[in-house]
Amino acid sequence: MAFTYDPGAPLLAVALTYSSTICEVCFGKLEFWFLIVLNLSLTVLWHHNILPRDEFFMLPDGLMKVTTALLTFFIVFYTNHCFTRYCLLYDATRSLLGSVQELVS
């Protein structure tokens, strides 16, 4: 599905566009709404002390620091890897386009 982008469109109109965005895809998934409802339900139950806040649900601060550091490292590493692959694909595509233009002319 191709999406045409109008570079002359106002910034606010582009920022508030809903169609052809990741939001349209996410909000249409049942898993997304299930996880939102589950999170809200557990939060309300814990807030009103219906569900006990015992140590089973809590993570120690030391473990959270390590987990957060590892998660941040892997997200940055994965994003860098994806961007590198994108740059290689972009270079290959531009090279192919140049070759096709030389062949045609």
N, C-alpha and C. Protein backbone atom coordinates (compact mmCIF):
# COMPACT_ATOMS: atom_id res chain seq x y z
N MET A 1 0.84 -1.16 0.00
CA MET A 1 0.00 0.00 0.00
C MET A 1 0.90 1.24 0.00
N ALA A 2 0.81 2.02 -1.06
CA ALA A 2 1.62 3.21 -1.18
C ALA A 2 0.90 4.40 -0.55
N PHE A 3 1.68 5.25 0.06
CA PHE A 3 1.15 6.46 0.68
C PHE A 3 1.83 7.65 0.02
N THR A 4 1.06 8.54 -0.54
CA THR A 4 1.63 9.73 -1.15
C THR A 4 1.69 10.83 -0.12
N TYR A 5 2.84 11.44 -0.02
CA TYR A 5 3.08 12.49 0.96
C TYR A 5 3.11 13.83 0.24
N ASP A 6 2.38 14.78 0.75
CA ASP A 6 2.35 16.12 0.18
C ASP A 6 3.28 17.02 0.98
N PRO A 7 4.46 17.36 0.45
CA PRO A 7 5.39 18.19 1.21
C PRO A 7 4.89 19.61 1.44
N GLY A 8 3.89 20.04 0.69
CA GLY A 8 3.35 21.38 0.87
C GLY A 8 2.23 21.45 1.89
N ALA A 9 1.87 20.31 2.46
CA ALA A 9 0.77 20.29 3.43
C ALA A 9 1.19 20.98 4.73
N PRO A 10 0.25 21.61 5.41
CA PRO A 10 0.59 22.26 6.69
C PRO A 10 1.06 21.23 7.71
N LEU A 11 1.97 21.68 8.58
CA LEU A 11 2.56 20.79 9.58
C LEU A 11 1.52 20.18 10.50
N LEU A 12 0.55 20.96 10.91
CA LEU A 12 -0.49 20.45 11.82
C LEU A 12 -1.33 19.38 11.14
N ALA A 13 -1.62 19.55 9.85
CA ALA A 13 -2.41 18.55 9.13
C ALA A 13 -1.63 17.24 9.02
N VAL A 14 -0.34 17.33 8.80
CA VAL A 14 0.49 16.12 8.71
C VAL A 14 0.58 15.44 10.07
N ALA A 15 0.76 16.24 11.13
CA ALA A 15 0.89 15.68 12.48
C ALA A 15 -0.39 15.01 12.95
N LEU A 16 -1.54 15.47 12.51
CA LEU A 16 -2.81 14.91 12.95
C LEU A 16 -3.39 13.88 11.98
N THR A 17 -2.62 13.49 10.98
CA THR A 17 -3.09 12.49 10.02
C THR A 17 -3.17 11.13 10.70
N TYR A 18 -4.27 10.43 10.51
CA TYR A 18 -4.48 9.13 11.14
C TYR A 18 -4.34 7.99 10.13
N SER A 19 -4.83 8.18 8.92
CA SER A 19 -4.79 7.10 7.94
C SER A 19 -3.36 6.87 7.47
N SER A 20 -3.06 5.62 7.18
CA SER A 20 -1.73 5.18 6.73
C SER A 20 -0.65 5.46 7.76
N THR A 21 -0.98 5.32 9.04
CA THR A 21 0.00 5.47 10.10
C THR A 21 0.05 4.19 10.93
N ILE A 22 1.04 4.11 11.81
CA ILE A 22 1.15 2.95 12.67
C ILE A 22 0.01 2.93 13.69
N CYS A 23 -0.54 4.10 14.02
CA CYS A 23 -1.66 4.15 14.96
C CYS A 23 -2.87 3.42 14.40
N GLU A 24 -3.12 3.59 13.12
CA GLU A 24 -4.24 2.91 12.48
C GLU A 24 -4.06 1.40 12.56
N VAL A 25 -2.84 0.94 12.40
CA VAL A 25 -2.56 -0.50 12.47
C VAL A 25 -2.71 -1.01 13.90
N CYS A 26 -2.12 -0.28 14.86
CA CYS A 26 -2.15 -0.73 16.26
C CYS A 26 -3.56 -0.72 16.84
N PHE A 27 -4.29 0.35 16.59
CA PHE A 27 -5.63 0.46 17.17
C PHE A 27 -6.60 -0.54 16.58
N GLY A 28 -6.25 -1.14 15.46
CA GLY A 28 -7.11 -2.14 14.84
C GLY A 28 -6.83 -3.56 15.32
N LYS A 29 -5.83 -3.73 16.17
CA LYS A 29 -5.45 -5.06 16.66
C LYS A 29 -6.13 -5.37 17.99
N LEU A 30 -6.61 -6.60 18.11
CA LEU A 30 -7.24 -7.04 19.35
C LEU A 30 -6.24 -7.13 20.49
N GLU A 31 -5.00 -7.55 20.19
CA GLU A 31 -3.98 -7.68 21.23
C GLU A 31 -3.70 -6.35 21.90
N PHE A 32 -3.68 -5.26 21.14
CA PHE A 32 -3.43 -3.94 21.71
C PHE A 32 -4.48 -3.59 22.75
N TRP A 33 -5.74 -3.76 22.38
CA TRP A 33 -6.82 -3.40 23.30
C TRP A 33 -6.87 -4.34 24.49
N PHE A 34 -6.54 -5.62 24.30
CA PHE A 34 -6.49 -6.56 25.41
C PHE A 34 -5.44 -6.13 26.43
N LEU A 35 -4.25 -5.76 25.96
CA LEU A 35 -3.19 -5.35 26.87
C LEU A 35 -3.52 -4.03 27.57
N ILE A 36 -4.17 -3.11 26.87
CA ILE A 36 -4.58 -1.84 27.49
C ILE A 36 -5.59 -2.11 28.60
N VAL A 37 -6.59 -2.94 28.32
CA VAL A 37 -7.62 -3.25 29.34
C VAL A 37 -7.00 -4.01 30.51
N LEU A 38 -6.11 -4.95 30.25
CA LEU A 38 -5.44 -5.69 31.32
C LEU A 38 -4.63 -4.75 32.20
N ASN A 39 -3.86 -3.84 31.58
CA ASN A 39 -3.06 -2.89 32.34
C ASN A 39 -3.94 -1.99 33.19
N LEU A 40 -4.99 -1.45 32.61
CA LEU A 40 -5.88 -0.58 33.38
C LEU A 40 -6.57 -1.33 34.51
N SER A 41 -6.98 -2.57 34.25
CA SER A 41 -7.64 -3.37 35.29
C SER A 41 -6.71 -3.64 36.46
N LEU A 42 -5.50 -4.07 36.17
CA LEU A 42 -4.55 -4.34 37.26
C LEU A 42 -4.18 -3.08 38.01
N THR A 43 -4.04 -1.97 37.30
CA THR A 43 -3.72 -0.70 37.97
C THR A 43 -4.83 -0.28 38.92
N VAL A 44 -6.07 -0.39 38.48
CA VAL A 44 -7.19 -0.01 39.34
C VAL A 44 -7.29 -0.96 40.53
N LEU A 45 -7.12 -2.25 40.29
CA LEU A 45 -7.18 -3.22 41.39
C LEU A 45 -6.08 -2.97 42.41
N TRP A 46 -4.87 -2.65 41.98
CA TRP A 46 -3.77 -2.37 42.91
C TRP A 46 -4.00 -1.04 43.63
N HIS A 47 -4.51 -0.07 42.92
CA HIS A 47 -4.73 1.25 43.52
C HIS A 47 -5.77 1.19 44.64
N HIS A 48 -6.79 0.39 44.47
CA HIS A 48 -7.84 0.26 45.49
C HIS A 48 -7.59 -0.89 46.46
N ASN A 49 -6.39 -1.45 46.45
CA ASN A 49 -5.96 -2.52 47.36
C ASN A 49 -6.86 -3.75 47.28
N ILE A 50 -7.47 -4.00 46.15
CA ILE A 50 -8.22 -5.23 45.94
C ILE A 50 -7.26 -6.36 45.63
N LEU A 51 -6.24 -6.05 44.87
CA LEU A 51 -5.17 -6.99 44.57
C LEU A 51 -3.98 -6.60 45.43
N PRO A 52 -3.48 -7.51 46.25
CA PRO A 52 -2.41 -7.11 47.19
C PRO A 52 -1.12 -6.75 46.45
N ARG A 53 -0.41 -5.80 47.02
CA ARG A 53 0.87 -5.39 46.45
C ARG A 53 1.99 -6.14 47.16
N ASP A 54 2.04 -7.42 46.96
CA ASP A 54 3.09 -8.19 47.62
C ASP A 54 4.36 -8.16 46.77
N GLU A 55 5.40 -8.79 47.28
CA GLU A 55 6.70 -8.76 46.63
C GLU A 55 6.72 -9.55 45.32
N PHE A 56 5.72 -10.35 45.08
CA PHE A 56 5.68 -11.14 43.84
C PHE A 56 5.59 -10.23 42.62
N PHE A 57 4.88 -9.12 42.75
CA PHE A 57 4.68 -8.22 41.62
C PHE A 57 5.73 -7.12 41.54
N MET A 58 6.52 -6.95 42.56
CA MET A 58 7.49 -5.87 42.60
C MET A 58 8.89 -6.39 42.25
N LEU A 59 9.63 -5.59 41.48
CA LEU A 59 11.01 -5.92 41.14
C LEU A 59 11.94 -5.06 41.97
N PRO A 60 13.04 -5.64 42.44
CA PRO A 60 14.00 -4.83 43.20
C PRO A 60 14.63 -3.76 42.31
N ASP A 61 15.06 -2.65 42.94
CA ASP A 61 15.64 -1.55 42.19
C ASP A 61 16.90 -1.97 41.43
N GLY A 62 17.72 -2.80 42.04
CA GLY A 62 18.94 -3.25 41.37
C GLY A 62 18.65 -4.03 40.10
N LEU A 63 17.62 -4.86 40.16
CA LEU A 63 17.24 -5.63 38.98
C LEU A 63 16.66 -4.73 37.90
N MET A 64 15.90 -3.72 38.31
CA MET A 64 15.34 -2.80 37.34
C MET A 64 16.42 -1.99 36.63
N LYS A 65 17.47 -1.61 37.35
CA LYS A 65 18.57 -0.86 36.74
C LYS A 65 19.28 -1.69 35.69
N VAL A 66 19.55 -2.94 36.00
CA VAL A 66 20.23 -3.82 35.05
C VAL A 66 19.33 -4.09 33.85
N THR A 67 18.07 -4.36 34.09
CA THR A 67 17.13 -4.63 33.01
C THR A 67 16.99 -3.43 32.09
N THR A 68 16.87 -2.25 32.67
CA THR A 68 16.73 -1.03 31.88
C THR A 68 17.98 -0.76 31.06
N ALA A 69 19.14 -0.96 31.65
CA ALA A 69 20.40 -0.75 30.93
C ALA A 69 20.52 -1.72 29.75
N LEU A 70 20.20 -2.98 29.98
CA LEU A 70 20.28 -3.96 28.90
C LEU A 70 19.26 -3.66 27.81
N LEU A 71 18.06 -3.31 28.20
CA LEU A 71 17.03 -3.00 27.21
C LEU A 71 17.43 -1.80 26.37
N THR A 72 17.95 -0.76 27.01
CA THR A 72 18.40 0.42 26.27
C THR A 72 19.52 0.06 25.31
N PHE A 73 20.48 -0.73 25.77
CA PHE A 73 21.59 -1.14 24.89
C PHE A 73 21.07 -1.89 23.69
N PHE A 74 20.20 -2.86 23.89
CA PHE A 74 19.70 -3.66 22.78
C PHE A 74 18.82 -2.86 21.83
N ILE A 75 18.05 -1.92 22.34
CA ILE A 75 17.23 -1.08 21.46
C ILE A 75 18.12 -0.20 20.58
N VAL A 76 19.14 0.40 21.18
CA VAL A 76 20.06 1.23 20.40
C VAL A 76 20.83 0.38 19.40
N PHE A 77 21.29 -0.79 19.81
CA PHE A 77 22.03 -1.68 18.92
C PHE A 77 21.15 -2.13 17.76
N TYR A 78 19.93 -2.52 18.03
CA TYR A 78 19.02 -2.98 16.98
C TYR A 78 18.67 -1.84 16.03
N THR A 79 18.41 -0.65 16.57
CA THR A 79 18.08 0.50 15.73
C THR A 79 19.26 0.84 14.83
N ASN A 80 20.46 0.82 15.37
CA ASN A 80 21.64 1.09 14.57
C ASN A 80 21.80 0.05 13.47
N HIS A 81 21.55 -1.20 13.80
CA HIS A 81 21.65 -2.28 12.81
C HIS A 81 20.62 -2.08 11.69
N CYS A 82 19.40 -1.72 12.05
CA CYS A 82 18.35 -1.48 11.05
C CYS A 82 18.70 -0.29 10.16
N PHE A 83 19.24 0.76 10.76
CA PHE A 83 19.60 1.93 9.97
C PHE A 83 20.75 1.62 9.02
N THR A 84 21.69 0.81 9.46
CA THR A 84 22.79 0.40 8.58
C THR A 84 22.27 -0.40 7.40
N ARG A 85 21.34 -1.32 7.66
CA ARG A 85 20.75 -2.08 6.56
C ARG A 85 19.97 -1.18 5.62
N TYR A 86 19.27 -0.20 6.18
CA TYR A 86 18.53 0.75 5.35
C TYR A 86 19.49 1.53 4.45
N CYS A 87 20.60 2.00 5.00
CA CYS A 87 21.57 2.76 4.20
C CYS A 87 22.15 1.90 3.09
N LEU A 88 22.45 0.63 3.37
CA LEU A 88 22.96 -0.26 2.33
C LEU A 88 21.92 -0.48 1.24
N LEU A 89 20.68 -0.67 1.62
CA LEU A 89 19.61 -0.86 0.64
C LEU A 89 19.40 0.41 -0.18
N TYR A 90 19.48 1.56 0.47
CA TYR A 90 19.31 2.83 -0.23
C TYR A 90 20.42 3.02 -1.26
N ASP A 91 21.67 2.75 -0.86
CA ASP A 91 22.79 2.87 -1.79
C ASP A 91 22.64 1.92 -2.97
N ALA A 92 22.22 0.69 -2.70
CA ALA A 92 22.02 -0.28 -3.78
C ALA A 92 20.90 0.17 -4.72
N THR A 93 19.84 0.71 -4.16
CA THR A 93 18.72 1.18 -4.98
C THR A 93 19.13 2.36 -5.84
N ARG A 94 19.86 3.31 -5.26
CA ARG A 94 20.32 4.46 -6.04
C ARG A 94 21.29 4.02 -7.15
N SER A 95 22.13 3.07 -6.84
CA SER A 95 23.06 2.55 -7.86
C SER A 95 22.29 1.87 -8.98
N LEU A 96 21.30 1.08 -8.62
CA LEU A 96 20.47 0.41 -9.63
C LEU A 96 19.72 1.43 -10.48
N LEU A 97 19.20 2.47 -9.86
CA LEU A 97 18.50 3.51 -10.60
C LEU A 97 19.44 4.20 -11.59
N GLY A 98 20.67 4.48 -11.16
CA GLY A 98 21.65 5.08 -12.06
C GLY A 98 21.98 4.17 -13.23
N SER A 99 22.11 2.88 -12.96
CA SER A 99 22.40 1.92 -14.03
C SER A 99 21.25 1.84 -15.02
N VAL A 100 20.03 1.85 -14.53
CA VAL A 100 18.86 1.80 -15.42
C VAL A 100 18.78 3.06 -16.25
N GLN A 101 19.06 4.21 -15.65
CA GLN A 101 19.03 5.46 -16.41
C GLN A 101 20.10 5.48 -17.50
N GLU A 102 21.29 4.95 -17.19
CA GLU A 102 22.35 4.86 -18.21
C GLU A 102 21.95 3.91 -19.33
N LEU A 103 21.29 2.83 -18.98
CA LEU A 103 20.87 1.85 -19.98
C LEU A 103 19.81 2.44 -20.91
N VAL A 104 18.91 3.21 -20.37
CA VAL A 104 17.83 3.79 -21.16
C VAL A 104 18.34 4.90 -22.06
N SER A 105 19.28 5.70 -21.57
CA SER A 105 19.74 6.84 -22.38
C SER A 105 20.79 6.49 -23.39
